[in-house]
Every structure is written in C-alpha cells, then in structure tokens.
Amino acid sequence: QVLLAESGGGLVQAGDSLSLSCTASGRASSAGSMAWFRQAPGKEREFVASIPEAGSTAYYADSMKGRCTIVRDNAKNTVTLQMKRLEPEDTAVYYCAKSRTIYYESQLASRDQSYFYWGQGTRVTVSS
C-alpha cells in the first residue's frame, strides 16, 4: 500500500508561480511512475505531468509544456510540480498519482487508468 499526500495548493494570481508537493508513505520506495493530474470544476480529470524515475525524462501535457517541471526525489519519497505563468484555466484540484509499473511511453504515462495509487488532491485557484 502506498499513501500519497499533496500539499502546496492555494489561491494565486494569474502570472504567479506555485509549487505542489506530494509525499509518499507506506511502500513508497516501490517502483512505479509518478504523475500529476488535475480536475477543473465540471470537467474530467486530465493529465499534467509524469516522471518514470528520478532524473529520467518527464512527460508533460501540451497545455503545460514550458510552464511546469516535475521533479522526483526518491530519497525523500516526494514528487514536486513546479508551475509558472499560471492562468485562470489552471484552476483545478491537483492530484498526485503513482503507478505499479514504470512507464517510458508518453501515451501510457498520461492515462489515469495507468495509475493505481491516488492522493486526496490539493486545490489551486488562479484569479485573473
């Protein structure tokens, strides 16, 4: 069992930067890709970013390329999502997720069905 806990959400203004953090506990050291997804009000959950292993090439949603960086620290069992130039359209609940398989292919890495463990989410609100 892996438990995921997100933190760092809040209210920011358009153009601001924000970092979200996810800490894994339990069998946190087990292998698996880690990812961030988000769900805006009235919309389906969507992929934001994923990283197979610490230091490996990450995958990003087109809407977030150039505006966010995902960083994984195995020693601390954390994955961080650094976002910049936030827009009102980025308003959502952001979820951390971990798979039981390492995905080195973007299509698999970006599917929410690929992930087994999920956090409770942290809310990000971007005001215009």
Foldseek 3Di string as FASTA:
>chain_A
DKAKAKDWADEEAAQAKTKMKIAIDDVLLQFWKKFKWWDDPPGDIWGAKIDRDAPDDIDGDPVQVPFWDWGADSVRSMIMIIGGSDDQVPWTWMKMFTANDRDPDHVLRTDPVRTDYIYPTGTHGYHD
